[in-house]
């Protein structure tokens, strides 16, 4: 099976959620911040327009 990433654009960030736009589907979706950062790290999401993952302390 081929691993593919979903291209997303970050629209809005809060302390608990990140609202992303799925570019291929033209849909907006809120995602919990921890889950979003995990998906970016694992390569499931490819962020368009740049996004810096916050360092864990």
PDB file of N, CA and C in Angstrom:
ATOM      1  N   UNK A   1       0.835  -1.179   0.000  1.00  0.00           N
ATOM      2  CA  UNK A   1       0.000   0.000   0.000  1.00  0.00           C
ATOM      3  C   UNK A   1       0.884   1.249   0.000  1.00  0.00           C
ATOM      4  N   UNK A   2       0.514   2.235  -0.745  1.00  0.00           N
ATOM      5  CA  UNK A   2       1.285   3.465  -0.859  1.00  0.00           C
ATOM      6  C   UNK A   2       0.876   4.435   0.245  1.00  0.00           C
ATOM      7  N   UNK A   3       1.881   4.955   0.959  1.00  0.00           N
ATOM      8  CA  UNK A   3       1.608   5.958   1.982  1.00  0.00           C
ATOM      9  C   UNK A   3       1.471   7.316   1.311  1.00  0.00           C
ATOM     10  N   UNK A   4       0.362   7.979   1.531  1.00  0.00           N
ATOM     11  CA  UNK A   4       0.127   9.294   0.954  1.00  0.00           C
ATOM     12  C   UNK A   4      -0.199  10.262   2.073  1.00  0.00           C
ATOM     13  N   UNK A   5       0.058  11.526   1.819  1.00  0.00           N
ATOM     14  CA  UNK A   5      -0.264  12.543   2.808  1.00  0.00           C
ATOM     15  C   UNK A   5      -1.420  13.389   2.294  1.00  0.00           C
ATOM     16  N   UNK A   6      -2.156  13.947   3.234  1.00  0.00           N
ATOM     17  CA  UNK A   6      -3.282  14.817   2.922  1.00  0.00           C
ATOM     18  C   UNK A   6      -2.779  16.255   2.998  1.00  0.00           C
ATOM     19  N   UNK A   7      -2.988  17.019   1.943  1.00  0.00           N
ATOM     20  CA  UNK A   7      -2.543  18.411   1.935  1.00  0.00           C
ATOM     21  C   UNK A   7      -3.566  19.263   2.672  1.00  0.00           C
ATOM     22  N   UNK A   8      -3.091  19.979   3.692  1.00  0.00           N
ATOM     23  CA  UNK A   8      -3.962  20.820   4.503  1.00  0.00           C
ATOM     24  C   UNK A   8      -3.362  22.212   4.621  1.00  0.00           C
ATOM     25  N   UNK A   9      -4.238  23.168   4.858  1.00  0.00           N
ATOM     26  CA  UNK A   9      -3.832  24.547   5.105  1.00  0.00           C
ATOM     27  C   UNK A   9      -4.383  24.941   6.466  1.00  0.00           C
ATOM     28  N   UNK A  10      -3.536  25.498   7.325  1.00  0.00           N
ATOM     29  CA  UNK A  10      -3.965  25.913   8.660  1.00  0.00           C
ATOM     30  C   UNK A  10      -4.714  27.234   8.538  1.00  0.00           C
ATOM     31  N   UNK A  11      -5.975  27.239   8.981  1.00  0.00           N
ATOM     32  CA  UNK A  11      -6.791  28.451   8.912  1.00  0.00           C
ATOM     33  C   UNK A  11      -6.794  29.207  10.234  1.00  0.00           C
ATOM     34  N   UNK A  12      -6.891  28.471  11.347  1.00  0.00           N
ATOM     35  CA  UNK A  12      -7.041  29.108  12.659  1.00  0.00           C
ATOM     36  C   UNK A  12      -6.433  28.200  13.720  1.00  0.00           C
ATOM     37  N   UNK A  13      -5.780  28.807  14.682  1.00  0.00           N
ATOM     38  CA  UNK A  13      -5.191  28.047  15.783  1.00  0.00           C
ATOM     39  C   UNK A  13      -5.672  28.605  17.112  1.00  0.00           C
ATOM     40  N   UNK A  14      -6.042  27.722  18.014  1.00  0.00           N
ATOM     41  CA  UNK A  14      -6.334  28.103  19.395  1.00  0.00           C
ATOM     42  C   UNK A  14      -5.450  27.232  20.282  1.00  0.00           C
ATOM     43  N   UNK A  15      -5.581  27.396  21.587  1.00  0.00           N
ATOM     44  CA  UNK A  15      -4.737  26.618  22.491  1.00  0.00           C
ATOM     45  C   UNK A  15      -5.070  25.129  22.455  1.00  0.00           C
ATOM     46  N   UNK A  16      -6.310  24.777  22.094  1.00  0.00           N
ATOM     47  CA  UNK A  16      -6.712  23.372  22.111  1.00  0.00           C
ATOM     48  C   UNK A  16      -6.996  22.781  20.734  1.00  0.00           C
ATOM     49  N   UNK A  17      -7.312  23.608  19.739  1.00  0.00           N
ATOM     50  CA  UNK A  17      -7.651  23.073  18.418  1.00  0.00           C
ATOM     51  C   UNK A  17      -6.931  23.829  17.304  1.00  0.00           C
ATOM     52  N   UNK A  18      -6.845  23.145  16.179  1.00  0.00           N
ATOM     53  CA  UNK A  18      -6.314  23.741  14.956  1.00  0.00           C
ATOM     54  C   UNK A  18      -7.370  23.496  13.886  1.00  0.00           C
ATOM     55  N   UNK A  19      -7.833  24.556  13.230  1.00  0.00           N
ATOM     56  CA  UNK A  19      -8.799  24.410  12.154  1.00  0.00           C
ATOM     57  C   UNK A  19      -8.029  24.344  10.846  1.00  0.00           C
ATOM     58  N   UNK A  20      -8.243  23.238  10.118  1.00  0.00           N
ATOM     59  CA  UNK A  20      -7.524  23.035   8.861  1.00  0.00           C
ATOM     60  C   UNK A  20      -8.518  22.986   7.707  1.00  0.00           C
ATOM     61  N   UNK A  21      -8.016  23.314   6.522  1.00  0.00           N
ATOM     62  CA  UNK A  21      -8.798  23.168   5.307  1.00  0.00           C
ATOM     63  C   UNK A  21      -8.158  22.049   4.503  1.00  0.00           C
ATOM     64  N   UNK A  22      -8.939  21.014   4.199  1.00  0.00           N
ATOM     65  CA  UNK A  22      -8.460  19.925   3.361  1.00  0.00           C
ATOM     66  C   UNK A  22      -8.525  20.416   1.926  1.00  0.00           C
ATOM     67  N   UNK A  23      -7.376  20.665   1.317  1.00  0.00           N
ATOM     68  CA  UNK A  23      -7.339  21.355   0.029  1.00  0.00           C
ATOM     69  C   UNK A  23      -7.997  20.561  -1.089  1.00  0.00           C
ATOM     70  N   UNK A  24      -7.850  19.250  -1.110  1.00  0.00           N
ATOM     71  CA  UNK A  24      -8.432  18.466  -2.196  1.00  0.00           C
ATOM     72  C   UNK A  24      -9.944  18.337  -2.081  1.00  0.00           C
ATOM     73  N   UNK A  25     -10.467  18.421  -0.862  1.00  0.00           N
ATOM     74  CA  UNK A  25     -11.908  18.283  -0.643  1.00  0.00           C
ATOM     75  C   UNK A  25     -12.620  19.615  -0.461  1.00  0.00           C
ATOM     76  N   UNK A  26     -11.842  20.685  -0.262  1.00  0.00           N
ATOM     77  CA  UNK A  26     -12.390  22.011   0.005  1.00  0.00           C
ATOM     78  C   UNK A  26     -13.326  21.995   1.218  1.00  0.00           C
ATOM     79  N   UNK A  27     -12.874  21.349   2.274  1.00  0.00           N
ATOM     80  CA  UNK A  27     -13.625  21.256   3.534  1.00  0.00           C
ATOM     81  C   UNK A  27     -12.799  21.808   4.679  1.00  0.00           C
ATOM     82  N   UNK A  28     -13.477  22.382   5.661  1.00  0.00           N
ATOM     83  CA  UNK A  28     -12.823  22.880   6.868  1.00  0.00           C
ATOM     84  C   UNK A  28     -13.133  21.912   8.000  1.00  0.00           C
ATOM     85  N   UNK A  29     -12.135  21.694   8.886  1.00  0.00           N
ATOM     86  CA  UNK A  29     -12.320  20.721   9.947  1.00  0.00           C
ATOM     87  C   UNK A  29     -11.479  21.099  11.162  1.00  0.00           C
ATOM     88  N   UNK A  30     -12.093  21.198  12.339  1.00  0.00           N
ATOM     89  CA  UNK A  30     -11.294  21.417  13.544  1.00  0.00           C
ATOM     90  C   UNK A  30     -10.682  20.093  14.013  1.00  0.00           C
ATOM     91  N   UNK A  31      -9.425  20.163  14.444  1.00  0.00           N
ATOM     92  CA  UNK A  31      -8.699  18.985  14.909  1.00  0.00           C
ATOM     93  C   UNK A  31      -8.057  19.338  16.243  1.00  0.00           C
ATOM     94  N   UNK A  32      -8.132  18.452  17.237  1.00  0.00           N
ATOM     95  CA  UNK A  32      -7.421  18.724  18.491  1.00  0.00           C
ATOM     96  C   UNK A  32      -5.926  18.923  18.220  1.00  0.00           C
ATOM     97  N   UNK A  33      -5.317  19.890  18.909  1.00  0.00           N
ATOM     98  CA  UNK A  33      -3.919  20.265  18.649  1.00  0.00           C
ATOM     99  C   UNK A  33      -2.974  19.073  18.767  1.00  0.00           C
ATOM    100  N   UNK A  34      -3.100  18.256  19.814  1.00  0.00           N
ATOM    101  CA  UNK A  34      -2.204  17.112  19.992  1.00  0.00           C
ATOM    102  C   UNK A  34      -2.328  16.136  18.822  1.00  0.00           C
ATOM    103  N   UNK A  35      -3.550  15.878  18.400  1.00  0.00           N
ATOM    104  CA  UNK A  35      -3.793  14.959  17.289  1.00  0.00           C
ATOM    105  C   UNK A  35      -3.230  15.537  15.984  1.00  0.00           C
ATOM    106  N   UNK A  36      -3.405  16.841  15.770  1.00  0.00           N
ATOM    107  CA  UNK A  36      -2.884  17.494  14.575  1.00  0.00           C
ATOM    108  C   UNK A  36      -1.370  17.382  14.509  1.00  0.00           C
ATOM    109  N   UNK A  37      -0.686  17.700  15.618  1.00  0.00           N
ATOM    110  CA  UNK A  37       0.766  17.649  15.642  1.00  0.00           C
ATOM    111  C   UNK A  37       1.271  16.220  15.450  1.00  0.00           C
ATOM    112  N   UNK A  38       0.532  15.237  15.992  1.00  0.00           N
ATOM    113  CA  UNK A  38       0.905  13.840  15.800  1.00  0.00           C
ATOM    114  C   UNK A  38       0.771  13.443  14.329  1.00  0.00           C
ATOM    115  N   UNK A  39      -0.301  13.887  13.668  1.00  0.00           N
ATOM    116  CA  UNK A  39      -0.509  13.561  12.259  1.00  0.00           C
ATOM    117  C   UNK A  39       0.536  14.220  11.367  1.00  0.00           C
ATOM    118  N   UNK A  40       0.947  15.453  11.700  1.00  0.00           N
ATOM    119  CA  UNK A  40       1.997  16.130  10.924  1.00  0.00           C
ATOM    120  C   UNK A  40       3.318  15.386  11.095  1.00  0.00           C
ATOM    121  N   UNK A  41       3.631  15.005  12.324  1.00  0.00           N
ATOM    122  CA  UNK A  41       4.883  14.301  12.613  1.00  0.00           C
ATOM    123  C   UNK A  41       4.936  12.948  11.914  1.00  0.00           C
ATOM    124  N   UNK A  42       3.810  12.242  11.857  1.00  0.00           N
ATOM    125  CA  UNK A  42       3.756  10.923  11.220  1.00  0.00           C
ATOM    126  C   UNK A  42       3.670  11.001   9.699  1.00  0.00           C
ATOM    127  N   UNK A  43       3.477  12.200   9.155  1.00  0.00           N
ATOM    128  CA  UNK A  43       3.431  12.352   7.708  1.00  0.00           C
ATOM    129  C   UNK A  43       2.058  12.202   7.096  1.00  0.00           C
ATOM    130  N   UNK A  44       1.013  12.098   7.921  1.00  0.00           N
ATOM    131  CA  UNK A  44      -0.343  11.978   7.382  1.00  0.00           C
ATOM    132  C   UNK A  44      -0.809  13.297   6.778  1.00  0.00           C
ATOM    133  N   UNK A  45      -0.431  14.418   7.414  1.00  0.00           N
ATOM    134  CA  UNK A  45      -0.779  15.744   6.899  1.00  0.00           C
ATOM    135  C   UNK A  45       0.460  16.408   6.314  1.00  0.00           C
ATOM    136  N   UNK A  46       0.317  17.004   5.145  1.00  0.00           N
ATOM    137  CA  UNK A  46       1.351  17.857   4.562  1.00  0.00           C
ATOM    138  C   UNK A  46       0.813  19.279   4.632  1.00  0.00           C
ATOM    139  N   UNK A  47       1.430  20.112   5.454  1.00  0.00           N
ATOM    140  CA  UNK A  47       0.937  21.462   5.688  1.00  0.00           C
ATOM    141  C   UNK A  47       1.443  22.387   4.589  1.00  0.00           C
ATOM    142  N   UNK A  48       0.513  23.064   3.944  1.00  0.00           N
ATOM    143  CA  UNK A  48       0.833  24.036   2.896  1.00  0.00           C
ATOM    144  C   UNK A  48       0.814  25.419   3.532  1.00  0.00           C
ATOM    145  N   UNK A  49       1.807  26.225   3.234  1.00  0.00           N
ATOM    146  CA  UNK A  49       1.874  27.572   3.795  1.00  0.00           C
ATOM    147  C   UNK A  49       2.699  27.641   5.056  1.00  0.00           C
ATOM    148  N   UNK A  50       3.268  26.538   5.464  1.00  0.00           N
ATOM    149  CA  UNK A  50       4.177  26.523   6.604  1.00  0.00           C
ATOM    150  C   UNK A  50       3.467  26.372   7.934  1.00  0.00           C
ATOM    151  N   UNK A  51       4.064  25.589   8.796  1.00  0.00           N
ATOM    152  CA  UNK A  51       3.572  25.391  10.146  1.00  0.00           C
ATOM    153  C   UNK A  51       4.734  24.863  10.968  1.00  0.00           C
ATOM    154  N   UNK A  52       4.941  25.421  12.140  1.00  0.00           N
ATOM    155  CA  UNK A  52       5.983  24.978  13.042  1.00  0.00           C
ATOM    156  C   UNK A  52       5.347  24.180  14.180  1.00  0.00           C
ATOM    157  N   UNK A  53       5.774  22.952  14.369  1.00  0.00           N
ATOM    158  CA  UNK A  53       5.282  22.137  15.469  1.00  0.00           C
ATOM    159  C   UNK A  53       5.879  22.670  16.755  1.00  0.00           C
ATOM    160  N   UNK A  54       5.033  22.874  17.763  1.00  0.00           N
ATOM    161  CA  UNK A  54       5.502  23.423  19.034  1.00  0.00           C
ATOM    162  C   UNK A  54       6.341  22.386  19.762  1.00  0.00           C
ATOM    163  N   UNK A  55       7.443  22.824  20.345  1.00  0.00           N
ATOM    164  CA  UNK A  55       8.320  21.936  21.111  1.00  0.00           C
ATOM    165  C   UNK A  55       7.665  21.580  22.429  1.00  0.00           C
ATOM    166  N   UNK A  56       7.743  20.290  22.781  1.00  0.00           N
ATOM    167  CA  UNK A  56       7.179  19.850  24.061  1.00  0.00           C
ATOM    168  C   UNK A  56       8.170  20.148  25.167  1.00  0.00           C
ATOM    169  N   UNK A  57       7.676  20.611  26.290  1.00  0.00           N
ATOM    170  CA  UNK A  57       8.552  20.973  27.415  1.00  0.00           C
ATOM    171  C   UNK A  57       8.456  19.955  28.507  1.00  0.00           C
TER     172      UNK A  57
END
